[in-house]
Amino acid sequence: MRSKIVAATAACLFGLASSPAFAVGADAPPAKDDPRDKVVCKTKPQTGSRLRAKTCHTVGQWEAIAEEMRRTAQEMNGPAIEIRRN
């Protein structure tokens, strides 16, 4: 039974390796580095510990997190109230 699993796995891996979808040709365009895809790690203190927590996300993900936090803070504060004086 084990030899059948090993043989099937090897056949799948050999089939993927020879697949043209994974082949890199001369016609492939050069990969463009997007600055939003750069991974940035930040550390922040943990409550109740002397150690710091490390969190890694891409620049785009950090921007989305900041936007979501800003939106949540605005929702918590409620709508702006205008005071009119006559």
PDB file of N, CA and C in Angstrom:
ATOM      1  N   MET A   1       0.824  -1.189   0.000  1.00  0.00           N
ATOM      2  CA  MET A   1       0.000   0.000   0.000  1.00  0.00           C
ATOM      3  C   MET A   1       0.868   1.252   0.000  1.00  0.00           C
ATOM      4  N   ARG A   2       1.917   1.224   0.831  1.00  0.00           N
ATOM      5  CA  ARG A   2       2.786   2.387   0.931  1.00  0.00           C
ATOM      6  C   ARG A   2       3.525   2.639  -0.382  1.00  0.00           C
ATOM      7  N   SER A   3       3.928   1.570  -1.064  1.00  0.00           N
ATOM      8  CA  SER A   3       4.644   1.739  -2.326  1.00  0.00           C
ATOM      9  C   SER A   3       3.721   2.329  -3.405  1.00  0.00           C
ATOM     10  N   LYS A   4       2.429   2.014  -3.342  1.00  0.00           N
ATOM     11  CA  LYS A   4       1.486   2.586  -4.296  1.00  0.00           C
ATOM     12  C   LYS A   4       1.333   4.091  -4.077  1.00  0.00           C
ATOM     13  N   ILE A   5       1.319   4.509  -2.817  1.00  0.00           N
ATOM     14  CA  ILE A   5       1.199   5.931  -2.507  1.00  0.00           C
ATOM     15  C   ILE A   5       2.451   6.669  -2.968  1.00  0.00           C
ATOM     16  N   VAL A   6       3.612   6.091  -2.707  1.00  0.00           N
ATOM     17  CA  VAL A   6       4.872   6.713  -3.120  1.00  0.00           C
ATOM     18  C   VAL A   6       4.931   6.802  -4.641  1.00  0.00           C
ATOM     19  N   ALA A   7       4.519   5.752  -5.337  1.00  0.00           N
ATOM     20  CA  ALA A   7       4.547   5.743  -6.794  1.00  0.00           C
ATOM     21  C   ALA A   7       3.570   6.784  -7.356  1.00  0.00           C
ATOM     22  N   ALA A   8       2.391   6.896  -6.761  1.00  0.00           N
ATOM     23  CA  ALA A   8       1.409   7.871  -7.226  1.00  0.00           C
ATOM     24  C   ALA A   8       1.903   9.299  -6.985  1.00  0.00           C
ATOM     25  N   THR A   9       2.522   9.531  -5.842  1.00  0.00           N
ATOM     26  CA  THR A   9       3.059  10.857  -5.534  1.00  0.00           C
ATOM     27  C   THR A   9       4.179  11.218  -6.499  1.00  0.00           C
ATOM     28  N   ALA A  10       5.056  10.278  -6.769  1.00  0.00           N
ATOM     29  CA  ALA A  10       6.156  10.525  -7.702  1.00  0.00           C
ATOM     30  C   ALA A  10       5.628  10.815  -9.102  1.00  0.00           C
ATOM     31  N   ALA A  11       4.603  10.092  -9.520  1.00  0.00           N
ATOM     32  CA  ALA A  11       4.024  10.316 -10.845  1.00  0.00           C
ATOM     33  C   ALA A  11       3.404  11.705 -10.937  1.00  0.00           C
ATOM     34  N   CYS A  12       2.727  12.136  -9.877  1.00  0.00           N
ATOM     35  CA  CYS A  12       2.126  13.480  -9.871  1.00  0.00           C
ATOM     36  C   CYS A  12       3.193  14.553  -9.923  1.00  0.00           C
ATOM     37  N   LEU A  13       4.235  14.382  -9.119  1.00  0.00           N
ATOM     38  CA  LEU A  13       5.316  15.365  -9.104  1.00  0.00           C
ATOM     39  C   LEU A  13       6.032  15.425 -10.443  1.00  0.00           C
ATOM     40  N   PHE A  14       6.258  14.273 -11.068  1.00  0.00           N
ATOM     41  CA  PHE A  14       6.913  14.249 -12.371  1.00  0.00           C
ATOM     42  C   PHE A  14       6.026  14.919 -13.415  1.00  0.00           C
ATOM     43  N   GLY A  15       4.720  14.706 -13.319  1.00  0.00           N
ATOM     44  CA  GLY A  15       3.788  15.323 -14.259  1.00  0.00           C
ATOM     45  C   GLY A  15       3.752  16.837 -14.097  1.00  0.00           C
ATOM     46  N   LEU A  16       3.832  17.335 -12.881  1.00  0.00           N
ATOM     47  CA  LEU A  16       3.842  18.780 -12.652  1.00  0.00           C
ATOM     48  C   LEU A  16       5.150  19.411 -13.122  1.00  0.00           C
ATOM     49  N   ALA A  17       6.254  18.707 -12.918  1.00  0.00           N
ATOM     50  CA  ALA A  17       7.549  19.258 -13.292  1.00  0.00           C
ATOM     51  C   ALA A  17       7.689  19.391 -14.799  1.00  0.00           C
ATOM     52  N   SER A  18       7.060  18.491 -15.547  1.00  0.00           N
ATOM     53  CA  SER A  18       7.190  18.543 -16.998  1.00  0.00           C
ATOM     54  C   SER A  18       6.073  19.358 -17.651  1.00  0.00           C
ATOM     55  N   SER A  19       5.185  19.922 -16.839  1.00  0.00           N
ATOM     56  CA  SER A  19       4.070  20.700 -17.359  1.00  0.00           C
ATOM     57  C   SER A  19       4.558  22.017 -17.951  1.00  0.00           C
ATOM     58  N   PRO A  20       4.043  22.423 -19.109  1.00  0.00           N
ATOM     59  CA  PRO A  20       4.484  23.688 -19.708  1.00  0.00           C
ATOM     60  C   PRO A  20       4.033  24.913 -18.921  1.00  0.00           C
ATOM     61  N   ALA A  21       3.054  24.766 -18.029  1.00  0.00           N
ATOM     62  CA  ALA A  21       2.587  25.909 -17.247  1.00  0.00           C
ATOM     63  C   ALA A  21       3.661  26.391 -16.278  1.00  0.00           C
ATOM     64  N   PHE A  22       4.536  25.500 -15.875  1.00  0.00           N
ATOM     65  CA  PHE A  22       5.576  25.861 -14.928  1.00  0.00           C
ATOM     66  C   PHE A  22       6.899  26.193 -15.603  1.00  0.00           C
ATOM     67  N   ALA A  23       6.966  26.004 -16.886  1.00  0.00           N
ATOM     68  CA  ALA A  23       8.209  26.289 -17.599  1.00  0.00           C
ATOM     69  C   ALA A  23       8.369  27.794 -17.780  1.00  0.00           C
ATOM     70  N   VAL A  24       9.583  28.283 -17.602  1.00  0.00           N
ATOM     71  CA  VAL A  24       9.871  29.702 -17.778  1.00  0.00           C
ATOM     72  C   VAL A  24      10.546  29.853 -19.127  1.00  0.00           C
ATOM     73  N   GLY A  25       9.903  30.588 -20.020  1.00  0.00           N
ATOM     74  CA  GLY A  25      10.444  30.749 -21.353  1.00  0.00           C
ATOM     75  C   GLY A  25      11.030  32.134 -21.554  1.00  0.00           C
ATOM     76  N   ALA A  26      11.637  32.362 -22.716  1.00  0.00           N
ATOM     77  CA  ALA A  26      12.216  33.658 -23.032  1.00  0.00           C
ATOM     78  C   ALA A  26      11.120  34.675 -23.337  1.00  0.00           C
ATOM     79  N   ASP A  27       9.898  34.196 -23.631  1.00  0.00           N
ATOM     80  CA  ASP A  27       8.801  35.094 -23.958  1.00  0.00           C
ATOM     81  C   ASP A  27       8.125  35.683 -22.720  1.00  0.00           C
ATOM     82  N   ALA A  28       8.494  35.197 -21.551  1.00  0.00           N
ATOM     83  CA  ALA A  28       7.857  35.671 -20.330  1.00  0.00           C
ATOM     84  C   ALA A  28       8.297  37.109 -20.038  1.00  0.00           C
ATOM     85  N   PRO A  29       7.337  38.007 -19.730  1.00  0.00           N
ATOM     86  CA  PRO A  29       7.711  39.389 -19.419  1.00  0.00           C
ATOM     87  C   PRO A  29       8.422  39.446 -18.071  1.00  0.00           C
ATOM     88  N   PRO A  30       9.326  40.391 -17.891  1.00  0.00           N
ATOM     89  CA  PRO A  30      10.017  40.488 -16.609  1.00  0.00           C
ATOM     90  C   PRO A  30       9.041  40.887 -15.511  1.00  0.00           C
ATOM     91  N   ALA A  31       9.249  40.329 -14.337  1.00  0.00           N
ATOM     92  CA  ALA A  31       8.369  40.625 -13.219  1.00  0.00           C
ATOM     93  C   ALA A  31       8.638  42.039 -12.718  1.00  0.00           C
ATOM     94  N   LYS A  32       7.557  42.812 -12.566  1.00  0.00           N
ATOM     95  CA  LYS A  32       7.694  44.176 -12.066  1.00  0.00           C
ATOM     96  C   LYS A  32       7.499  44.161 -10.561  1.00  0.00           C
ATOM     97  N   ASP A  33       8.385  44.816  -9.858  1.00  0.00           N
ATOM     98  CA  ASP A  33       8.288  44.866  -8.411  1.00  0.00           C
ATOM     99  C   ASP A  33       7.327  45.972  -8.007  1.00  0.00           C
ATOM    100  N   ASP A  34       6.246  45.574  -7.382  1.00  0.00           N
ATOM    101  CA  ASP A  34       5.262  46.529  -6.892  1.00  0.00           C
ATOM    102  C   ASP A  34       5.654  46.910  -5.465  1.00  0.00           C
ATOM    103  N   PRO A  35       5.816  48.199  -5.170  1.00  0.00           N
ATOM    104  CA  PRO A  35       6.220  48.583  -3.821  1.00  0.00           C
ATOM    105  C   PRO A  35       5.181  48.200  -2.765  1.00  0.00           C
ATOM    106  N   ARG A  36       3.923  47.995  -3.168  1.00  0.00           N
ATOM    107  CA  ARG A  36       2.898  47.592  -2.209  1.00  0.00           C
ATOM    108  C   ARG A  36       3.012  46.115  -1.833  1.00  0.00           C
ATOM    109  N   ASP A  37       3.832  45.339  -2.567  1.00  0.00           N
ATOM    110  CA  ASP A  37       4.017  43.922  -2.266  1.00  0.00           C
ATOM    111  C   ASP A  37       5.175  43.675  -1.301  1.00  0.00           C
ATOM    112  N   LYS A  38       5.884  44.727  -0.914  1.00  0.00           N
ATOM    113  CA  LYS A  38       7.014  44.578   0.004  1.00  0.00           C
ATOM    114  C   LYS A  38       6.493  44.225   1.397  1.00  0.00           C
ATOM    115  N   VAL A  39       7.117  43.232   2.027  1.00  0.00           N
ATOM    116  CA  VAL A  39       6.702  42.796   3.354  1.00  0.00           C
ATOM    117  C   VAL A  39       7.386  43.663   4.403  1.00  0.00           C
ATOM    118  N   VAL A  40       6.581  44.190   5.332  1.00  0.00           N
ATOM    119  CA  VAL A  40       7.085  45.029   6.411  1.00  0.00           C
ATOM    120  C   VAL A  40       6.655  44.396   7.733  1.00  0.00           C
ATOM    121  N   CYS A  41       7.614  44.227   8.638  1.00  0.00           N
ATOM    122  CA  CYS A  41       7.318  43.662   9.952  1.00  0.00           C
ATOM    123  C   CYS A  41       7.357  44.765  10.997  1.00  0.00           C
ATOM    124  N   LYS A  42       6.383  44.761  11.883  1.00  0.00           N
ATOM    125  CA  LYS A  42       6.303  45.742  12.966  1.00  0.00           C
ATOM    126  C   LYS A  42       6.185  44.995  14.281  1.00  0.00           C
ATOM    127  N   THR A  43       6.729  45.594  15.336  1.00  0.00           N
ATOM    128  CA  THR A  43       6.614  45.009  16.668  1.00  0.00           C
ATOM    129  C   THR A  43       5.817  45.954  17.548  1.00  0.00           C
ATOM    130  N   LYS A  44       5.039  45.367  18.450  1.00  0.00           N
ATOM    131  CA  LYS A  44       4.284  46.166  19.399  1.00  0.00           C
ATOM    132  C   LYS A  44       4.291  45.448  20.738  1.00  0.00           C
ATOM    133  N   PRO A  45       4.209  46.214  21.821  1.00  0.00           N
ATOM    134  CA  PRO A  45       4.247  45.577  23.146  1.00  0.00           C
ATOM    135  C   PRO A  45       2.998  44.744  23.411  1.00  0.00           C
ATOM    136  N   GLN A  46       3.180  43.664  24.171  1.00  0.00           N
ATOM    137  CA  GLN A  46       2.061  42.819  24.566  1.00  0.00           C
ATOM    138  C   GLN A  46       1.715  43.128  26.008  1.00  0.00           C
ATOM    139  N   THR A  47       0.454  43.268  26.290  1.00  0.00           N
ATOM    140  CA  THR A  47       0.021  43.524  27.650  1.00  0.00           C
ATOM    141  C   THR A  47       0.311  42.304  28.518  1.00  0.00           C
ATOM    142  N   GLY A  48       0.942  42.529  29.650  1.00  0.00           N
ATOM    143  CA  GLY A  48       1.243  41.442  30.573  1.00  0.00           C
ATOM    144  C   GLY A  48       2.514  40.682  30.253  1.00  0.00           C
ATOM    145  N   SER A  49       3.327  41.206  29.341  1.00  0.00           N
ATOM    146  CA  SER A  49       4.556  40.517  28.973  1.00  0.00           C
ATOM    147  C   SER A  49       5.648  41.533  28.682  1.00  0.00           C
ATOM    148  N   ARG A  50       6.891  41.120  28.911  1.00  0.00           N
ATOM    149  CA  ARG A  50       8.008  41.988  28.553  1.00  0.00           C
ATOM    150  C   ARG A  50       8.413  41.800  27.097  1.00  0.00           C
ATOM    151  N   LEU A  51       7.892  40.753  26.486  1.00  0.00           N
ATOM    152  CA  LEU A  51       8.212  40.473  25.091  1.00  0.00           C
ATOM    153  C   LEU A  51       7.324  41.293  24.177  1.00  0.00           C
ATOM    154  N   ARG A  52       7.790  41.490  22.978  1.00  0.00           N
ATOM    155  CA  ARG A  52       7.031  42.252  21.986  1.00  0.00           C
ATOM    156  C   ARG A  52       6.511  41.295  20.925  1.00  0.00           C
ATOM    157  N   ALA A  53       5.334  41.570  20.410  1.00  0.00           N
ATOM    158  CA  ALA A  53       4.726  40.749  19.357  1.00  0.00           C
ATOM    159  C   ALA A  53       5.165  41.285  18.004  1.00  0.00           C
ATOM    160  N   LYS A  54       5.575  40.388  17.122  1.00  0.00           N
ATOM    161  CA  LYS A  54       6.007  40.767  15.777  1.00  0.00           C
ATOM    162  C   LYS A  54       4.921  40.372  14.785  1.00  0.00           C
ATOM    163  N   THR A  55       4.519  41.332  13.954  1.00  0.00           N
ATOM    164  CA  THR A  55       3.488  41.099  12.948  1.00  0.00           C
ATOM    165  C   THR A  55       4.018  41.536  11.592  1.00  0.00           C
ATOM    166  N   CYS A  56       3.880  40.683  10.589  1.00  0.00           N
ATOM    167  CA  CYS A  56       4.374  40.986   9.246  1.00  0.00           C
ATOM    168  C   CYS A  56       3.208  40.999   8.252  1.00  0.00           C
ATOM    169  N   HIS A  57       3.149  42.055   7.444  1.00  0.00           N
ATOM    170  CA  HIS A  57       2.159  42.195   6.374  1.00  0.00           C
ATOM    171  C   HIS A  57       2.813  42.948   5.225  1.00  0.00           C
ATOM    172  N   THR A  58       2.162  42.928   4.067  1.00  0.00           N
ATOM    173  CA  THR A  58       2.656  43.732   2.949  1.00  0.00           C
ATOM    174  C   THR A  58       2.234  45.186   3.172  1.00  0.00           C
ATOM    175  N   VAL A  59       2.847  46.096   2.431  1.00  0.00           N
ATOM    176  CA  VAL A  59       2.520  47.521   2.558  1.00  0.00           C
ATOM    177  C   VAL A  59       1.037  47.746   2.266  1.00  0.00           C
ATOM    178  N   GLY A  60       0.513  47.080   1.248  1.00  0.00           N
ATOM    179  CA  GLY A  60      -0.898  47.202   0.906  1.00  0.00           C
ATOM    180  C   GLY A  60      -1.805  46.727   2.037  1.00  0.00           C
ATOM    181  N   GLN A  61      -1.415  45.642   2.693  1.00  0.00           N
ATOM    182  CA  GLN A  61      -2.207  45.140   3.808  1.00  0.00           C
ATOM    183  C   GLN A  61      -2.155  46.099   4.991  1.00  0.00           C
ATOM    184  N   TRP A  62      -0.974  46.688   5.272  1.00  0.00           N
ATOM    185  CA  TRP A  62      -0.868  47.666   6.360  1.00  0.00           C
ATOM    186  C   TRP A  62      -1.760  48.865   6.072  1.00  0.00           C
ATOM    187  N   GLU A  63      -1.814  49.312   4.802  1.00  0.00           N
ATOM    188  CA  GLU A  63      -2.676  50.435   4.441  1.00  0.00           C
ATOM    189  C   GLU A  63      -4.149  50.081   4.653  1.00  0.00           C
ATOM    190  N   ALA A  64      -4.529  48.866   4.293  1.00  0.00           N
ATOM    191  CA  ALA A  64      -5.912  48.428   4.491  1.00  0.00           C
ATOM    192  C   ALA A  64      -6.253  48.342   5.979  1.00  0.00           C
ATOM    193  N   ILE A  65      -5.320  47.870   6.786  1.00  0.00           N
ATOM    194  CA  ILE A  65      -5.536  47.791   8.231  1.00  0.00           C
ATOM    195  C   ILE A  65      -5.716  49.189   8.816  1.00  0.00           C
ATOM    196  N   ALA A  66      -4.871  50.133   8.404  1.00  0.00           N
ATOM    197  CA  ALA A  66      -4.969  51.511   8.897  1.00  0.00           C
ATOM    198  C   ALA A  66      -6.302  52.142   8.490  1.00  0.00           C
ATOM    199  N   GLU A  67      -6.725  51.901   7.251  1.00  0.00           N
ATOM    200  CA  GLU A  67      -8.001  52.444   6.779  1.00  0.00           C
ATOM    201  C   GLU A  67      -9.164  51.862   7.573  1.00  0.00           C
ATOM    202  N   GLU A  68      -9.124  50.563   7.837  1.00  0.00           N
ATOM    203  CA  GLU A  68     -10.184  49.921   8.602  1.00  0.00           C
ATOM    204  C   GLU A  68     -10.209  50.459  10.036  1.00  0.00           C
ATOM    205  N   MET A  69      -9.049  50.675  10.643  1.00  0.00           N
ATOM    206  CA  MET A  69      -8.999  51.233  11.992  1.00  0.00           C
ATOM    207  C   MET A  69      -9.542  52.663  12.011  1.00  0.00           C
ATOM    208  N   ARG A  70      -9.216  53.455  10.990  1.00  0.00           N
ATOM    209  CA  ARG A  70      -9.722  54.823  10.902  1.00  0.00           C
ATOM    210  C   ARG A  70     -11.242  54.824  10.763  1.00  0.00           C
ATOM    211  N   ARG A  71     -11.748  53.944   9.904  1.00  0.00           N
ATOM    212  CA  ARG A  71     -13.194  53.855   9.677  1.00  0.00           C
ATOM    213  C   ARG A  71     -13.918  53.412  10.957  1.00  0.00           C
ATOM    214  N   THR A  72     -13.345  52.452  11.676  1.00  0.00           N
ATOM    215  CA  THR A  72     -13.943  51.983  12.922  1.00  0.00           C
ATOM    216  C   THR A  72     -13.972  53.093  13.962  1.00  0.00           C
ATOM    217  N   ALA A  73     -12.885  53.866  14.068  1.00  0.00           N
ATOM    218  CA  ALA A  73     -12.846  54.973  15.017  1.00  0.00           C
ATOM    219  C   ALA A  73     -13.900  56.017  14.683  1.00  0.00           C
ATOM    220  N   GLN A  74     -14.098  56.302  13.408  1.00  0.00           N
ATOM    221  CA  GLN A  74     -15.129  57.264  13.010  1.00  0.00           C
ATOM    222  C   GLN A  74     -16.521  56.752  13.361  1.00  0.00           C
ATOM    223  N   GLU A  75     -16.760  55.454  13.183  1.00  0.00           N
ATOM    224  CA  GLU A  75     -18.054  54.881  13.524  1.00  0.00           C
ATOM    225  C   GLU A  75     -18.297  54.946  15.030  1.00  0.00           C
ATOM    226  N   MET A  76     -17.251  54.744  15.823  1.00  0.00           N
ATOM    227  CA  MET A  76     -17.390  54.787  17.277  1.00  0.00           C
ATOM    228  C   MET A  76     -17.675  56.206  17.764  1.00  0.00           C
ATOM    229  N   ASN A  77     -17.092  57.190  17.113  1.00  0.00           N
ATOM    230  CA  ASN A  77     -17.306  58.580  17.505  1.00  0.00           C
ATOM    231  C   ASN A  77     -18.674  59.079  17.091  1.00  0.00           C
ATOM    232  N   GLY A  78     -19.269  58.457  16.126  1.00  0.00           N
ATOM    233  CA  GLY A  78     -20.593  58.850  15.668  1.00  0.00           C
ATOM    234  C   GLY A  78     -20.508  59.983  14.658  1.00  0.00           C
ATOM    235  N   PRO A  79     -21.643  60.384  14.126  1.00  0.00           N
ATOM    236  CA  PRO A  79     -21.643  61.447  13.128  1.00  0.00           C
ATOM    237  C   PRO A  79     -21.300  62.790  13.767  1.00  0.00           C
ATOM    238  N   ALA A  80     -20.730  63.664  12.957  1.00  0.00           N
ATOM    239  CA  ALA A  80     -20.378  64.995  13.424  1.00  0.00           C
ATOM    240  C   ALA A  80     -21.661  65.792  13.655  1.00  0.00           C
ATOM    241  N   ILE A  81     -21.673  66.563  14.735  1.00  0.00           N
ATOM    242  CA  ILE A  81     -22.849  67.360  15.084  1.00  0.00           C
ATOM    243  C   ILE A  81     -22.529  68.828  14.827  1.00  0.00           C
ATOM    244  N   GLU A  82     -23.418  69.463  14.094  1.00  0.00           N
ATOM    245  CA  GLU A  82     -23.236  70.889  13.826  1.00  0.00           C
ATOM    246  C   GLU A  82     -24.029  71.684  14.850  1.00  0.00           C
ATOM    247  N   ILE A  83     -23.394  72.691  15.395  1.00  0.00           N
ATOM    248  CA  ILE A  83     -24.070  73.566  16.348  1.00  0.00           C
ATOM    249  C   ILE A  83     -24.282  74.915  15.654  1.00  0.00           C
ATOM    250  N   ARG A  84     -25.540  75.300  15.527  1.00  0.00           N
ATOM    251  CA  ARG A  84     -25.856  76.568  14.881  1.00  0.00           C
ATOM    252  C   ARG A  84     -26.216  77.590  15.961  1.00  0.00           C
ATOM    253  N   ARG A  85     -25.611  78.738  15.851  1.00  0.00           N
ATOM    254  CA  ARG A  85     -25.919  79.812  16.785  1.00  0.00           C
ATOM    255  C   ARG A  85     -26.625  80.926  16.034  1.00  0.00           C
ATOM    256  N   ASN A  86     -27.715  81.375  16.573  1.00  0.00           N
ATOM    257  CA  ASN A  86     -28.490  82.437  15.927  1.00  0.00           C
ATOM    258  C   ASN A  86     -28.144  83.779  16.489  1.00  0.00           C
TER     259      ASN A  86
END
